[in-house]
Amino acid sequence: MKKCADRIIDLGGELKLGDKKDAPLFKDAVEYLKYDLQVSKDGLAWLAGLVEEARSDYTTFDILKEYYQDEEADMYESEQELELVKLIGKENWLVSKM
């Protein structure tokens, strides 16, 4: 994120911090993983468009591409964790996280 913010400033942009919708509070780790996976999917769909728009600005493109790859890795990790829950069961998965 810092690289993205620095690039916006380099290009003469202005950083703003606005209100953000509150994220739900989860008591169940598996439900949180499902939510986090959906947030990742939604975010990557938006970010993919941004990466495409930046193709002609190589510096910005490289920064966004790296950010996309990092977020994509997070999404795959959530998918893997949910698959593990299905394979070994929630209780065994929770024990494996301790």
N, C-alpha and C. Protein backbone atom coordinates (compact mmCIF):
# COMPACT_ATOMS: atom_id res chain seq x y z
N MET A 1 0.81 -1.19 0.00
CA MET A 1 0.00 0.00 0.00
C MET A 1 0.86 1.26 0.00
N LYS A 2 1.97 1.20 0.73
CA LYS A 2 2.84 2.37 0.81
C LYS A 2 3.35 2.75 -0.58
N LYS A 3 3.73 1.75 -1.37
CA LYS A 3 4.20 2.04 -2.73
C LYS A 3 3.10 2.71 -3.55
N CYS A 4 1.88 2.24 -3.40
CA CYS A 4 0.75 2.83 -4.14
C CYS A 4 0.54 4.28 -3.70
N ALA A 5 0.57 4.51 -2.39
CA ALA A 5 0.37 5.86 -1.88
C ALA A 5 1.50 6.78 -2.35
N ASP A 6 2.73 6.29 -2.29
CA ASP A 6 3.87 7.09 -2.75
C ASP A 6 3.74 7.42 -4.24
N ARG A 7 3.26 6.47 -5.04
CA ARG A 7 3.12 6.71 -6.48
C ARG A 7 2.05 7.76 -6.76
N ILE A 8 0.96 7.71 -6.01
CA ILE A 8 -0.10 8.71 -6.18
C ILE A 8 0.46 10.10 -5.90
N ILE A 9 1.25 10.22 -4.85
CA ILE A 9 1.86 11.50 -4.51
C ILE A 9 2.85 11.92 -5.60
N ASP A 10 3.66 10.97 -6.09
CA ASP A 10 4.61 11.26 -7.17
C ASP A 10 3.91 11.83 -8.40
N LEU A 11 2.72 11.34 -8.67
CA LEU A 11 1.98 11.78 -9.85
C LEU A 11 1.15 13.04 -9.60
N GLY A 12 1.30 13.61 -8.40
CA GLY A 12 0.60 14.85 -8.08
C GLY A 12 -0.79 14.64 -7.52
N GLY A 13 -1.11 13.42 -7.18
CA GLY A 13 -2.42 13.12 -6.63
C GLY A 13 -2.50 13.47 -5.15
N GLU A 14 -3.69 13.34 -4.63
CA GLU A 14 -3.95 13.66 -3.23
C GLU A 14 -4.50 12.41 -2.55
N LEU A 15 -3.95 12.10 -1.40
CA LEU A 15 -4.43 10.97 -0.62
C LEU A 15 -5.53 11.45 0.32
N LYS A 16 -6.61 10.70 0.35
CA LYS A 16 -7.72 11.05 1.22
C LYS A 16 -8.15 9.81 1.99
N LEU A 17 -8.54 10.03 3.21
CA LEU A 17 -9.05 8.97 4.05
C LEU A 17 -10.51 9.27 4.32
N GLY A 18 -11.38 8.41 3.84
CA GLY A 18 -12.80 8.64 4.03
C GLY A 18 -13.44 7.57 4.89
N ASP A 19 -14.72 7.74 5.13
CA ASP A 19 -15.46 6.74 5.90
C ASP A 19 -15.45 5.41 5.16
N LYS A 20 -15.37 4.37 5.92
CA LYS A 20 -15.36 3.02 5.37
C LYS A 20 -16.46 2.22 6.05
N LYS A 21 -17.12 1.40 5.28
CA LYS A 21 -18.16 0.54 5.83
C LYS A 21 -17.53 -0.40 6.87
N ASP A 22 -18.19 -0.52 8.01
CA ASP A 22 -17.70 -1.42 9.05
C ASP A 22 -17.75 -2.85 8.57
N ALA A 23 -16.70 -3.59 8.88
CA ALA A 23 -16.68 -5.02 8.57
C ALA A 23 -17.41 -5.75 9.69
N PRO A 24 -18.07 -6.84 9.35
CA PRO A 24 -18.76 -7.59 10.39
C PRO A 24 -17.77 -8.20 11.38
N LEU A 25 -18.24 -8.45 12.58
CA LEU A 25 -17.44 -9.09 13.61
C LEU A 25 -17.80 -10.57 13.63
N PHE A 26 -16.80 -11.43 13.57
CA PHE A 26 -17.05 -12.87 13.49
C PHE A 26 -16.60 -13.57 14.76
N LYS A 27 -17.41 -14.51 15.21
CA LYS A 27 -17.04 -15.37 16.33
C LYS A 27 -16.57 -16.73 15.82
N ASP A 28 -16.87 -17.01 14.55
CA ASP A 28 -16.52 -18.29 13.94
C ASP A 28 -15.42 -18.06 12.91
N ALA A 29 -14.27 -18.73 13.10
CA ALA A 29 -13.12 -18.53 12.22
C ALA A 29 -13.40 -18.94 10.78
N VAL A 30 -14.17 -19.99 10.59
CA VAL A 30 -14.48 -20.45 9.23
C VAL A 30 -15.37 -19.44 8.51
N GLU A 31 -16.31 -18.87 9.22
CA GLU A 31 -17.16 -17.84 8.61
C GLU A 31 -16.34 -16.61 8.24
N TYR A 32 -15.35 -16.30 9.09
CA TYR A 32 -14.47 -15.18 8.76
C TYR A 32 -13.68 -15.48 7.48
N LEU A 33 -13.16 -16.71 7.37
CA LEU A 33 -12.41 -17.10 6.17
C LEU A 33 -13.27 -16.96 4.91
N LYS A 34 -14.52 -17.36 5.01
CA LYS A 34 -15.43 -17.24 3.87
C LYS A 34 -15.64 -15.77 3.50
N TYR A 35 -15.82 -14.95 4.50
CA TYR A 35 -16.00 -13.52 4.27
C TYR A 35 -14.73 -12.93 3.65
N ASP A 36 -13.59 -13.26 4.22
CA ASP A 36 -12.31 -12.74 3.74
C ASP A 36 -12.05 -13.17 2.30
N LEU A 37 -12.42 -14.39 1.96
CA LEU A 37 -12.27 -14.87 0.59
C LEU A 37 -13.10 -14.04 -0.37
N GLN A 38 -14.33 -13.74 0.01
CA GLN A 38 -15.20 -12.95 -0.86
C GLN A 38 -14.68 -11.52 -1.00
N VAL A 39 -14.17 -10.95 0.08
CA VAL A 39 -13.58 -9.61 0.02
C VAL A 39 -12.40 -9.63 -0.95
N SER A 40 -11.58 -10.67 -0.88
CA SER A 40 -10.44 -10.79 -1.79
C SER A 40 -10.89 -10.88 -3.24
N LYS A 41 -11.89 -11.71 -3.50
CA LYS A 41 -12.39 -11.86 -4.87
C LYS A 41 -12.93 -10.55 -5.41
N ASP A 42 -13.72 -9.86 -4.60
CA ASP A 42 -14.28 -8.57 -5.02
C ASP A 42 -13.18 -7.54 -5.25
N GLY A 43 -12.22 -7.50 -4.34
CA GLY A 43 -11.12 -6.56 -4.46
C GLY A 43 -10.25 -6.83 -5.67
N LEU A 44 -10.00 -8.10 -5.95
CA LEU A 44 -9.17 -8.44 -7.11
C LEU A 44 -9.88 -8.10 -8.41
N ALA A 45 -11.17 -8.25 -8.45
CA ALA A 45 -11.92 -7.89 -9.66
C ALA A 45 -11.77 -6.40 -9.94
N TRP A 46 -11.87 -5.58 -8.90
CA TRP A 46 -11.71 -4.14 -9.04
C TRP A 46 -10.26 -3.78 -9.40
N LEU A 47 -9.31 -4.43 -8.72
CA LEU A 47 -7.90 -4.14 -8.93
C LEU A 47 -7.44 -4.55 -10.32
N ALA A 48 -8.00 -5.62 -10.87
CA ALA A 48 -7.63 -6.06 -12.22
C ALA A 48 -7.90 -4.95 -13.24
N GLY A 49 -9.02 -4.28 -13.11
CA GLY A 49 -9.34 -3.17 -14.00
C GLY A 49 -8.35 -2.03 -13.86
N LEU A 50 -7.95 -1.76 -12.63
CA LEU A 50 -6.99 -0.70 -12.37
C LEU A 50 -5.62 -1.04 -12.98
N VAL A 51 -5.22 -2.29 -12.85
CA VAL A 51 -3.95 -2.74 -13.43
C VAL A 51 -3.98 -2.55 -14.94
N GLU A 52 -5.08 -2.92 -15.56
CA GLU A 52 -5.20 -2.76 -17.02
C GLU A 52 -5.11 -1.30 -17.44
N GLU A 53 -5.74 -0.42 -16.68
CA GLU A 53 -5.71 1.01 -17.00
C GLU A 53 -4.30 1.59 -16.88
N ALA A 54 -3.46 0.95 -16.07
CA ALA A 54 -2.12 1.48 -15.82
C ALA A 54 -1.06 0.92 -16.77
N ARG A 55 -1.46 0.11 -17.74
CA ARG A 55 -0.49 -0.54 -18.63
C ARG A 55 0.48 0.43 -19.31
N SER A 56 0.04 1.62 -19.63
CA SER A 56 0.92 2.56 -20.34
C SER A 56 1.85 3.33 -19.40
N ASP A 57 1.62 3.22 -18.11
CA ASP A 57 2.50 3.85 -17.11
C ASP A 57 3.24 2.71 -16.42
N TYR A 58 4.43 2.41 -16.91
CA TYR A 58 5.14 1.21 -16.48
C TYR A 58 5.43 1.15 -14.98
N THR A 59 5.76 2.27 -14.39
CA THR A 59 6.05 2.28 -12.96
C THR A 59 4.79 1.94 -12.16
N THR A 60 3.70 2.62 -12.48
CA THR A 60 2.44 2.36 -11.79
C THR A 60 1.98 0.93 -12.05
N PHE A 61 2.12 0.49 -13.29
CA PHE A 61 1.73 -0.88 -13.65
C PHE A 61 2.48 -1.90 -12.80
N ASP A 62 3.80 -1.72 -12.66
CA ASP A 62 4.60 -2.66 -11.88
C ASP A 62 4.18 -2.67 -10.41
N ILE A 63 3.90 -1.50 -9.86
CA ILE A 63 3.47 -1.40 -8.46
C ILE A 63 2.13 -2.10 -8.27
N LEU A 64 1.19 -1.82 -9.16
CA LEU A 64 -0.14 -2.43 -9.05
C LEU A 64 -0.10 -3.93 -9.31
N LYS A 65 0.74 -4.33 -10.24
CA LYS A 65 0.87 -5.77 -10.53
C LYS A 65 1.40 -6.52 -9.31
N GLU A 66 2.39 -5.94 -8.64
CA GLU A 66 2.94 -6.55 -7.43
C GLU A 66 1.88 -6.61 -6.32
N TYR A 67 1.12 -5.54 -6.19
CA TYR A 67 0.04 -5.50 -5.20
C TYR A 67 -1.02 -6.56 -5.52
N TYR A 68 -1.37 -6.67 -6.80
CA TYR A 68 -2.35 -7.67 -7.24
C TYR A 68 -1.86 -9.07 -6.89
N GLN A 69 -0.60 -9.35 -7.18
CA GLN A 69 -0.04 -10.68 -6.91
C GLN A 69 -0.07 -11.01 -5.42
N ASP A 70 0.20 -10.02 -4.58
CA ASP A 70 0.16 -10.22 -3.14
C ASP A 70 -1.27 -10.52 -2.67
N GLU A 71 -2.21 -9.75 -3.18
CA GLU A 71 -3.62 -9.97 -2.81
C GLU A 71 -4.13 -11.32 -3.34
N GLU A 72 -3.67 -11.68 -4.53
CA GLU A 72 -4.06 -12.97 -5.10
C GLU A 72 -3.53 -14.12 -4.25
N ALA A 73 -2.31 -13.99 -3.75
CA ALA A 73 -1.74 -15.02 -2.87
C ALA A 73 -2.57 -15.14 -1.60
N ASP A 74 -3.03 -14.01 -1.05
CA ASP A 74 -3.91 -14.05 0.13
C ASP A 74 -5.21 -14.79 -0.18
N MET A 75 -5.76 -14.54 -1.36
CA MET A 75 -7.00 -15.21 -1.75
C MET A 75 -6.79 -16.72 -1.85
N TYR A 76 -5.69 -17.13 -2.47
CA TYR A 76 -5.40 -18.56 -2.60
C TYR A 76 -5.19 -19.21 -1.23
N GLU A 77 -4.59 -18.48 -0.31
CA GLU A 77 -4.39 -19.00 1.03
C GLU A 77 -5.74 -19.23 1.72
N SER A 78 -6.66 -18.29 1.58
CA SER A 78 -7.99 -18.47 2.16
C SER A 78 -8.70 -19.66 1.53
N GLU A 79 -8.59 -19.80 0.21
CA GLU A 79 -9.20 -20.94 -0.47
C GLU A 79 -8.62 -22.26 0.05
N GLN A 80 -7.32 -22.30 0.23
CA GLN A 80 -6.67 -23.51 0.73
C GLN A 80 -7.11 -23.84 2.14
N GLU A 81 -7.23 -22.83 2.97
CA GLU A 81 -7.67 -23.06 4.35
C GLU A 81 -9.10 -23.60 4.38
N LEU A 82 -9.97 -23.05 3.55
CA LEU A 82 -11.35 -23.54 3.51
C LEU A 82 -11.42 -24.96 2.98
N GLU A 83 -10.57 -25.28 2.02
CA GLU A 83 -10.52 -26.65 1.50
C GLU A 83 -10.02 -27.61 2.58
N LEU A 84 -9.05 -27.16 3.36
CA LEU A 84 -8.54 -27.99 4.46
C LEU A 84 -9.63 -28.23 5.50
N VAL A 85 -10.43 -27.23 5.79
CA VAL A 85 -11.55 -27.40 6.73
C VAL A 85 -12.48 -28.49 6.22
N LYS A 86 -12.77 -28.48 4.92
CA LYS A 86 -13.64 -29.51 4.34
C LYS A 86 -13.02 -30.90 4.45
N LEU A 87 -11.70 -30.97 4.26
CA LEU A 87 -11.03 -32.28 4.26
C LEU A 87 -10.86 -32.88 5.64
N ILE A 88 -10.46 -32.06 6.62
CA ILE A 88 -10.16 -32.62 7.93
C ILE A 88 -11.18 -32.26 9.00
N GLY A 89 -12.13 -31.40 8.67
CA GLY A 89 -13.15 -31.00 9.64
C GLY A 89 -12.72 -29.76 10.40
N LYS A 90 -13.72 -29.04 10.84
CA LYS A 90 -13.49 -27.76 11.51
C LYS A 90 -12.66 -27.92 12.79
N GLU A 91 -13.02 -28.89 13.62
CA GLU A 91 -12.33 -29.06 14.90
C GLU A 91 -10.86 -29.40 14.69
N ASN A 92 -10.56 -30.31 13.77
CA ASN A 92 -9.16 -30.66 13.49
C ASN A 92 -8.41 -29.47 12.90
N TRP A 93 -9.09 -28.71 12.07
CA TRP A 93 -8.46 -27.53 11.49
C TRP A 93 -8.12 -26.51 12.58
N LEU A 94 -9.06 -26.29 13.50
CA LEU A 94 -8.82 -25.35 14.60
C LEU A 94 -7.63 -25.81 15.46
N VAL A 95 -7.56 -27.10 15.72
CA VAL A 95 -6.44 -27.63 16.51
C VAL A 95 -5.13 -27.40 15.75
N SER A 96 -5.15 -27.56 14.44
CA SER A 96 -3.92 -27.38 13.65
C SER A 96 -3.43 -25.94 13.68
N LYS A 97 -4.31 -25.01 14.00
CA LYS A 97 -3.96 -23.59 14.04
C LYS A 97 -3.40 -23.17 15.39
N MET A 98 -3.46 -24.04 16.35
CA MET A 98 -2.97 -23.70 17.69
C MET A 98 -1.48 -23.82 17.79
